[in-house]
Protein backbone atom coordinates (compact mmCIF):
# COMPACT_ATOMS: atom_id res chain seq x y z
CA UNK A 1 12.38 36.12 -7.66
CA UNK A 2 11.61 34.00 -10.49
CA UNK A 3 13.35 30.78 -11.33
CA UNK A 4 15.11 30.92 -14.74
CA UNK A 5 15.74 27.06 -15.16
CA UNK A 6 13.38 25.69 -17.69
CA UNK A 7 12.89 22.53 -15.57
CA UNK A 8 13.56 21.11 -12.31
CA UNK A 9 15.70 18.36 -13.46
CA UNK A 10 18.22 20.33 -15.14
CA UNK A 11 19.36 21.54 -11.81
CA UNK A 12 18.51 18.56 -9.38
CA UNK A 13 19.14 15.67 -11.88
CA UNK A 14 16.91 12.88 -10.93
CA UNK A 15 16.52 14.09 -7.21
CA UNK A 16 12.88 13.30 -5.80
CA UNK A 17 10.55 16.10 -5.12
CA UNK A 18 10.56 17.19 -1.61
CA UNK A 19 7.19 15.93 -0.88
CA UNK A 20 8.48 12.39 -1.94
CA UNK A 21 11.88 12.84 0.03
CA UNK A 22 9.58 13.83 3.27
CA UNK A 23 7.57 10.94 2.81
CA UNK A 24 10.22 8.37 2.47
CA UNK A 25 11.98 9.87 5.79
CA UNK A 26 8.66 9.80 7.60
CA UNK A 27 8.14 6.11 6.52
CA UNK A 28 11.48 5.06 7.59
CA UNK A 29 11.34 6.89 10.83
CA UNK A 30 7.73 5.19 11.65
CA UNK A 31 9.41 1.84 10.80
CA UNK A 32 12.18 2.23 12.99
CA UNK A 33 9.94 3.30 15.83
CA UNK A 34 7.50 0.50 15.41
CA UNK A 35 10.47 -1.99 15.41
CA UNK A 36 12.01 -0.33 18.68
CA UNK A 37 8.66 -0.83 20.42
CA UNK A 38 7.71 -4.38 18.98
CA UNK A 39 4.85 -2.91 16.86
CA UNK A 40 3.37 -0.76 19.62
CA UNK A 41 1.68 2.27 18.11
CA UNK A 42 1.13 4.12 21.34
CA UNK A 43 5.02 3.70 22.50
CA UNK A 44 6.10 4.31 19.03
CA UNK A 45 4.18 7.51 18.73
CA UNK A 46 5.57 8.65 22.05
CA UNK A 47 9.11 8.13 20.54
CA UNK A 48 8.12 10.45 17.48
CA UNK A 49 6.31 12.94 19.56
CA UNK A 50 3.02 12.58 18.26
CA UNK A 51 -0.28 10.95 19.64
CA UNK A 52 -1.18 7.57 18.78
CA UNK A 53 -4.23 8.87 16.95
CA UNK A 54 -2.16 10.95 14.68
CA UNK A 55 0.44 7.89 14.05
CA UNK A 56 -2.35 5.71 13.30
CA UNK A 57 -3.91 8.30 10.88
CA UNK A 58 -0.54 8.72 9.28
CA UNK A 59 0.01 4.99 8.86
CA UNK A 60 -3.44 4.28 7.46
CA UNK A 61 -3.52 7.41 5.12
CA UNK A 62 0.16 7.71 3.85
CA UNK A 63 1.93 4.41 4.56
CA UNK A 64 -0.67 1.39 4.71
CA UNK A 65 2.02 -0.90 4.01
CA UNK A 66 3.23 -0.25 7.64
CA UNK A 67 0.08 -1.54 8.89
CA UNK A 68 1.63 -5.33 8.86
CA UNK A 69 4.57 -3.86 11.11
CA UNK A 70 1.96 -2.88 13.86
CA UNK A 71 1.04 -5.33 16.68
CA UNK A 72 -2.42 -6.57 16.58
CA UNK A 73 -5.16 -4.15 17.74
CA UNK A 74 -6.38 -5.31 21.13
CA UNK A 75 -9.73 -4.70 22.45
CA UNK A 76 -10.07 -2.97 25.83
CA UNK A 77 -11.33 -5.05 28.46
CA UNK A 78 -14.79 -4.10 29.94
CA UNK A 79 -15.46 -3.53 33.66
CA UNK A 80 -15.73 -6.97 35.51
CA UNK A 81 -17.65 -5.60 38.56
CA UNK A 82 -20.92 -3.89 38.05
CA UNK A 83 -21.63 -0.88 39.91
CA UNK A 84 -24.15 -1.28 42.71
CA UNK A 85 -24.92 2.39 43.12
CA UNK A 86 -25.86 4.65 40.56
CA UNK A 87 -23.33 7.09 39.29
CA UNK A 88 -23.23 10.66 40.75
CA UNK A 89 -24.66 13.28 38.30
CA UNK A 90 -22.73 16.45 37.83
CA UNK A 91 -25.87 18.37 36.91
CA UNK A 92 -29.12 18.63 38.72
CA UNK A 93 -31.98 18.03 36.57
């Protein structure tokens, strides 16, 4: 079935495209989740049903202005105790 309307604006008025509307809603939901989790990306991702890697990618790629809403990135701590014995090898050489 072919659309007979000459342009989109005659039917929808000044409505945004679907892509723009979805992007705005995505941004709004991410902003709410980050606010609810005090900027914690992992907890916000859990609320949204995504992995934290996916949420970080979405924020960086599509909504970089939300980086300011994120809590500071914390570097993981290193082991404080050195292992005195060698690690087990899973495969024999």
